[in-house]
Amino acid sequence: MAQTASGSKADVVVSLESIEKSFGDTEVLHDISLSVRRGEVVAIIGPSGSGKSTFLRCATLLETFERGSLSYGDLEVVQSGVDGRAVYAGKTVQREAKSRFGLVFQNFNLFPHYSVLRNVADAPIRVQKRDKAEAERQARAVLAKMGLAGKEDMVPCELSGGQQQRVAIARALALNPDILYFDEPTSALDPELTQEVLRVIRDLAAEHMTMVIVTHEMSFARDVADRIVFMADGYVVEEGAPDQVINNPQHERTKAFLAKYEG
């Protein structure tokens, strides 16, 4: 995907170029590129099995890819070698890259035996080596922002699913990332709790938080995203402004997918 003319290279938070990924003999990502500018919200939509979550896992170094390149700002994490093969930088560079993004999973992935406060403050203290008192102050502030003031001493099982997901978002924000990734953040929630989490993400978008969101919530994607990417069968089939992709899709595969969400 080409960078739009309105964004300079210095504005690009993450850039993935010509990513190819296989599981065994099955190629699951085919020559996919994506650049995200500071303050931009990109929604990735598509049917199950289209490669959306795998692409996110490649961007966040949870999966390795065979071909292509990845950079976070000026930090080159994966370079494309002379034969196109992906060449990963060393652990120091990868560690720095991981400090530049936050990832929110669909199943929360909270530490069940940690308090809410410790879930949020633990990584800033252990990974970023920040002062404990300062990290806990920030954790309390972020939890309050998520509507969770007074829940700091609870453990995850005492919270609703929506509250647990808001703790997970707070945990990601506590690292002060340049970009947040969401992998279907509401798929494990009922409709009422889904709306509660989507409201939080809408608020972050209003604050110009840079985000990439894999979602099945079409109306949310249309309303919140600056750009929508439609994936199918490991390819980027169509991308553009929400009004263009959702209301006036050009590709038959996109039309067929969106028809299931009409009404």
Protein backbone atom coordinates (compact mmCIF):
# COMPACT_ATOMS: atom_id res chain seq x y z
CA MET A 1 0.00 0.00 0.00
CA ALA A 2 1.45 3.29 -0.99
CA GLN A 3 1.87 6.02 1.54
CA THR A 4 -0.60 8.81 0.91
CA ALA A 5 0.68 12.11 -0.33
CA SER A 6 -0.39 13.99 2.81
CA GLY A 7 2.02 12.12 5.10
CA SER A 8 5.77 12.61 5.13
CA LYS A 9 8.07 9.70 5.86
CA ALA A 10 8.82 11.20 9.29
CA ASP A 11 5.13 10.78 10.17
CA VAL A 12 5.17 7.03 9.57
CA VAL A 13 4.94 5.08 12.84
CA VAL A 14 5.12 1.60 11.32
CA SER A 15 5.91 0.38 7.83
CA LEU A 16 5.57 -3.18 6.57
CA GLU A 17 6.62 -3.85 2.99
CA SER A 18 5.93 -6.89 0.80
CA ILE A 19 5.26 -9.29 3.69
CA GLU A 20 5.01 -12.96 2.78
CA LYS A 21 4.28 -15.58 5.41
CA SER A 22 3.74 -19.35 5.21
CA PHE A 23 2.79 -22.08 7.63
CA GLY A 24 4.47 -25.14 6.16
CA ASP A 25 3.53 -25.32 2.49
CA THR A 26 0.55 -22.99 2.95
CA GLU A 27 1.20 -19.33 2.11
CA VAL A 28 -1.06 -17.24 4.34
CA LEU A 29 0.15 -13.70 3.53
CA HIS A 30 0.86 -12.65 -0.06
CA ASP A 31 2.96 -9.53 -0.67
CA ILE A 32 1.18 -7.33 1.88
CA SER A 33 2.34 -3.77 2.61
CA LEU A 34 1.01 -1.26 5.14
CA SER A 35 2.29 2.08 6.41
CA VAL A 36 0.50 3.85 9.27
CA ARG A 37 0.99 7.55 9.96
CA ARG A 38 1.00 9.19 13.38
CA GLY A 39 -2.55 9.76 14.60
CA GLU A 40 -4.10 7.51 11.95
CA VAL A 41 -6.65 4.80 12.71
CA VAL A 42 -6.60 1.85 10.32
CA ALA A 43 -9.27 -0.86 10.50
CA ILE A 44 -8.54 -4.26 8.96
CA ILE A 45 -11.65 -6.21 8.00
CA GLY A 46 -12.28 -9.48 6.21
CA PRO A 47 -13.59 -13.01 6.64
CA SER A 48 -12.18 -15.44 9.18
CA GLY A 49 -9.03 -17.10 7.86
CA SER A 50 -8.11 -14.15 5.64
CA GLY A 51 -4.78 -13.57 7.42
CA LYS A 52 -5.74 -10.49 9.47
CA SER A 53 -4.55 -11.77 12.85
CA THR A 54 -1.45 -13.38 11.33
CA PHE A 55 -0.52 -10.04 9.78
CA LEU A 56 -0.92 -8.36 13.17
CA ARG A 57 1.23 -11.04 14.80
CA CYS A 58 3.94 -10.43 12.21
CA ALA A 59 3.82 -6.68 12.87
CA THR A 60 4.19 -7.29 16.61
CA LEU A 61 6.99 -9.89 16.29
CA LEU A 62 4.87 -12.74 17.63
CA GLU A 63 5.35 -14.48 14.27
CA THR A 64 8.27 -14.34 11.87
CA PHE A 65 7.74 -13.87 8.14
CA GLU A 66 9.88 -15.20 5.30
CA ARG A 67 10.00 -12.17 2.99
CA GLY A 68 9.57 -8.44 3.38
CA SER A 69 10.64 -5.70 5.77
CA LEU A 70 9.39 -4.03 8.95
CA SER A 71 10.35 -0.76 10.60
CA TYR A 72 9.06 1.33 13.48
CA GLY A 73 9.86 4.94 12.67
CA ASP A 74 13.61 5.07 12.07
CA LEU A 75 14.14 1.63 13.61
CA GLU A 76 14.69 -1.10 11.02
CA VAL A 77 13.54 -4.32 12.64
CA VAL A 78 13.42 -6.59 9.60
CA GLN A 79 15.24 -5.86 6.36
CA SER A 80 14.65 -7.44 3.00
CA GLY A 81 17.87 -9.20 1.97
CA VAL A 82 19.32 -9.36 -1.51
CA ASP A 83 17.16 -12.38 -2.33
CA GLY A 84 14.09 -10.81 -0.72
CA ARG A 85 14.44 -12.96 2.38
CA ALA A 86 13.55 -11.30 5.67
CA VAL A 87 16.61 -10.58 7.82
CA TYR A 88 15.73 -9.89 11.46
CA ALA A 89 17.75 -7.47 13.58
CA GLY A 90 19.22 -8.59 16.88
CA LYS A 91 17.50 -8.82 20.26
CA THR A 92 18.38 -5.25 21.27
CA VAL A 93 16.63 -3.76 18.23
CA GLN A 94 13.66 -6.10 18.64
CA ARG A 95 13.37 -5.13 22.31
CA GLU A 96 13.35 -1.45 21.34
CA ALA A 97 10.69 -2.14 18.69
CA LYS A 98 8.48 -3.87 21.25
CA SER A 99 8.61 -0.76 23.43
CA ARG A 100 7.05 1.25 20.60
CA PHE A 101 3.75 -0.62 20.35
CA GLY A 102 1.02 -2.02 22.56
CA LEU A 103 -1.13 -5.04 21.70
CA VAL A 104 -4.63 -5.80 22.96
CA PHE A 105 -5.77 -9.40 22.44
CA GLN A 106 -9.31 -10.67 22.00
CA ASN A 107 -9.07 -12.82 25.14
CA PHE A 108 -7.55 -10.13 27.41
CA ASN A 109 -4.43 -12.17 28.40
CA LEU A 110 -4.33 -10.64 31.88
CA PHE A 111 -2.33 -12.27 34.67
CA PRO A 112 -5.14 -13.95 36.68
CA HIS A 113 -3.30 -13.87 40.03
CA TYR A 114 -2.18 -10.20 39.73
CA SER A 115 -4.32 -7.32 40.94
CA VAL A 116 -5.67 -4.92 38.32
CA LEU A 117 -3.08 -2.34 39.38
CA ARG A 118 -0.20 -4.81 39.11
CA ASN A 119 -1.41 -6.01 35.70
CA VAL A 120 -1.10 -2.44 34.42
CA ALA A 121 2.05 -1.33 36.28
CA ASP A 122 4.10 -4.52 36.03
CA ALA A 123 5.57 -4.06 32.52
CA PRO A 124 6.57 -0.39 33.02
CA ILE A 125 8.39 -1.43 36.20
CA ARG A 126 10.00 -4.66 34.98
CA VAL A 127 10.53 -3.98 31.27
CA GLN A 128 10.99 -0.22 31.17
CA LYS A 129 12.71 -0.10 34.60
CA ARG A 130 10.57 2.81 35.71
CA ASP A 131 10.21 3.90 39.32
CA LYS A 132 7.55 1.78 41.03
CA ALA A 133 5.71 4.67 42.65
CA GLU A 134 5.67 6.66 39.40
CA ALA A 135 4.53 3.62 37.37
CA GLU A 136 1.71 2.93 39.83
CA ARG A 137 0.62 6.57 39.77
CA GLN A 138 0.38 6.43 36.00
CA ALA A 139 -1.39 3.06 36.16
CA ARG A 140 -4.04 4.53 38.48
CA ALA A 141 -4.49 7.50 36.15
CA VAL A 142 -4.92 5.29 33.08
CA LEU A 143 -7.34 2.99 34.92
CA ALA A 144 -9.39 6.03 35.93
CA LYS A 145 -9.44 7.10 32.28
CA MET A 146 -10.78 3.64 31.42
CA GLY A 147 -13.59 4.07 33.99
CA LEU A 148 -11.97 1.61 36.41
CA ALA A 149 -11.18 3.80 39.41
CA GLY A 150 -11.79 1.78 42.56
CA LYS A 151 -11.06 -1.54 40.85
CA GLU A 152 -7.26 -1.42 41.37
CA ASP A 153 -7.11 -4.09 44.08
CA MET A 154 -9.44 -6.56 42.38
CA VAL A 155 -8.21 -9.56 40.38
CA PRO A 156 -9.43 -10.19 36.82
CA CYS A 157 -11.97 -12.89 37.72
CA GLU A 158 -13.86 -10.31 39.79
CA LEU A 159 -14.43 -8.13 36.72
CA SER A 160 -16.78 -8.38 33.76
CA GLY A 161 -15.36 -9.21 30.35
CA GLY A 162 -15.69 -5.59 29.28
CA GLN A 163 -13.85 -4.42 32.40
CA GLN A 164 -11.10 -6.98 31.80
CA GLN A 165 -10.66 -5.74 28.24
CA ARG A 166 -10.45 -2.16 29.51
CA VAL A 167 -7.72 -3.27 31.93
CA ALA A 168 -5.90 -4.81 28.95
CA ILE A 169 -6.17 -1.51 27.07
CA ALA A 170 -4.89 0.35 30.14
CA ARG A 171 -1.96 -2.08 30.36
CA ALA A 172 -1.04 -1.37 26.73
CA LEU A 173 -1.34 2.40 27.22
CA ALA A 174 0.83 2.35 30.36
CA LEU A 175 3.86 1.60 28.18
CA ASN A 176 3.37 4.93 26.36
CA PRO A 177 3.43 3.22 22.93
CA ASP A 178 3.61 5.00 19.58
CA ILE A 179 0.89 2.71 18.22
CA LEU A 180 -1.78 0.37 19.59
CA TYR A 181 -2.82 -2.85 17.86
CA PHE A 182 -6.18 -4.46 18.58
CA ASP A 183 -6.87 -8.04 17.50
CA GLU A 184 -10.67 -8.35 17.41
CA PRO A 185 -10.96 -6.73 20.86
CA THR A 186 -14.70 -7.40 21.23
CA SER A 187 -15.05 -10.92 19.81
CA ALA A 188 -15.18 -12.51 23.28
CA LEU A 189 -17.81 -10.05 24.58
CA ASP A 190 -21.59 -9.87 24.49
CA PRO A 191 -23.20 -6.92 22.65
CA GLU A 192 -23.56 -4.68 25.72
CA LEU A 193 -19.94 -5.16 26.79
CA THR A 194 -18.84 -4.77 23.17
CA GLN A 195 -20.26 -1.24 23.09
CA GLU A 196 -18.49 -0.38 26.34
CA VAL A 197 -15.09 -1.35 24.90
CA LEU A 198 -15.78 0.32 21.54
CA ARG A 199 -16.56 3.57 23.37
CA VAL A 200 -13.09 3.47 24.92
CA ILE A 201 -11.47 2.94 21.50
CA ARG A 202 -13.57 5.78 20.04
CA ASP A 203 -12.26 8.06 22.80
CA LEU A 204 -8.67 7.06 21.97
CA ALA A 205 -9.32 7.81 18.30
CA ALA A 206 -10.65 11.24 19.25
CA GLU A 207 -7.35 11.83 21.08
CA HIS A 208 -5.48 10.91 17.86
CA MET A 209 -3.98 7.70 19.22
CA THR A 210 -2.36 5.78 16.35
CA MET A 211 -4.17 2.46 16.06
CA VAL A 212 -4.54 -0.61 13.85
CA ILE A 213 -7.74 -2.49 14.65
CA VAL A 214 -8.72 -5.91 13.34
CA THR A 215 -12.49 -5.97 13.75
CA HIS A 216 -15.77 -7.49 12.58
CA GLU A 217 -17.68 -4.40 13.77
CA MET A 218 -18.43 -2.78 10.42
CA SER A 219 -20.30 0.29 11.65
CA PHE A 220 -17.55 0.96 14.18
CA ALA A 221 -14.88 0.64 11.49
CA ARG A 222 -16.81 3.00 9.22
CA ASP A 223 -17.26 5.61 11.96
CA VAL A 224 -13.83 5.52 13.62
CA ALA A 225 -11.22 4.53 11.02
CA ASP A 226 -9.40 6.93 8.72
CA ARG A 227 -8.67 4.03 6.38
CA ILE A 228 -10.10 0.55 5.93
CA VAL A 229 -8.15 -2.42 4.60
CA PHE A 230 -10.14 -5.41 3.35
CA MET A 231 -8.26 -8.71 3.36
CA ALA A 232 -9.28 -12.06 1.90
CA ASP A 233 -7.31 -15.27 1.36
CA GLY A 234 -4.08 -13.65 2.51
CA TYR A 235 -4.29 -10.71 0.09
CA VAL A 236 -5.18 -7.05 0.49
CA VAL A 237 -8.14 -6.92 -1.88
CA GLU A 238 -9.21 -3.32 -1.37
CA GLU A 239 -8.35 -0.33 0.78
CA GLY A 240 -9.33 3.28 1.10
CA ALA A 241 -11.45 5.75 3.04
CA PRO A 242 -14.32 4.17 5.02
CA ASP A 243 -16.99 5.74 2.83
CA GLN A 244 -15.27 4.33 -0.24
CA VAL A 245 -14.71 0.78 1.01
CA ILE A 246 -17.89 0.28 3.07
CA ASN A 247 -20.40 2.26 1.01
CA ASN A 248 -18.93 1.97 -2.48
CA PRO A 249 -16.71 -1.14 -2.71
CA GLN A 250 -15.10 -1.72 -6.08
CA HIS A 251 -14.11 -5.39 -5.83
CA GLU A 252 -16.63 -8.23 -6.06
CA ARG A 253 -15.01 -10.02 -3.12
CA THR A 254 -15.47 -6.94 -0.93
CA LYS A 255 -19.08 -6.55 -2.05
CA ALA A 256 -19.85 -10.19 -1.22
CA PHE A 257 -18.29 -9.86 2.25
CA LEU A 258 -20.07 -6.61 3.13
CA ALA A 259 -23.43 -7.89 1.87
CA LYS A 260 -23.52 -10.20 4.91
CA TYR A 261 -23.50 -7.17 7.20
CA GLU A 262 -26.29 -5.20 5.52
CA GLY A 263 -29.34 -4.45 7.56
